[in-house]
Amino acid sequence: MKDSFKIISFFVIGVILGIFYTPSLFIFSENITVYFLYLLLFLIGVNVGGDEKAKEIIKSINIKTALLPISIIFGTLLGVGMFSFLIPNLKFTEALAIGSGFGYYSLSSILITKISGEALGVIALLSNIMREIITLLASPLLARYFGKLAPIASGGATSMDTTLPIIIKSAGKEYVILAVFSGFVLTILVPFFVSFILKF
């Protein structure tokens, strides 16, 4: 949870600096941000490829395991799609793109900012951070009232890392493989879903 608040703090500091002082330095140029995006994607690839748990996860895959991230994708997109009709200035595809972050705020917000602008990128950042914070705070209640898979669904892509400890505590150690597998799949799919949806 501290990491989430650190992200929010840096964002708030950036906004305050932008209000009072906006230097025209090279770090703010569009080309530099694209290179940072490429670097981030490269590092994600290295992290996924070098993860020893990935082999264990692949061996444990069956139909039931594969259905979990598919259900999370369907539920997330259905929910944000319905919610988009309640917000006049938010397009249906924009809502789907925000939801397609699946809690992975660092990557999804950068991609959305690059494709659709800063305003939507900020909304994506805050929405996906809130998904992680809600999971960290509400996992015990989710597991108790909606079942053991609910905290994993709530965590989305973060269920393989930042929200995994609270998911284990709330659902039990037997759900570790499911949580890591689901988070792993969703993490990989984020850039594809976001980019594909925003093309329409």
Foldseek 3Di string as FASTA:
>chain_A
DVVLVVVVVVVVVVVVCVVVPDDPDPCPDPVNLVVVLVVVVVVVVVVLVPDPVNVVLVVPDDPVLVVLLVVLLVVLLVVQLVVQVVDVVRDSLLSNLLSLCQLVLPNSLSLCCSLPNNVSSVVSNVVSSVLQVCLQPCVLVCCVPPNLCRSLSSNQLCLLPDSVVVSCVRNHPVCNSSSNSRNSVSVVCSVVSNVVSSVD
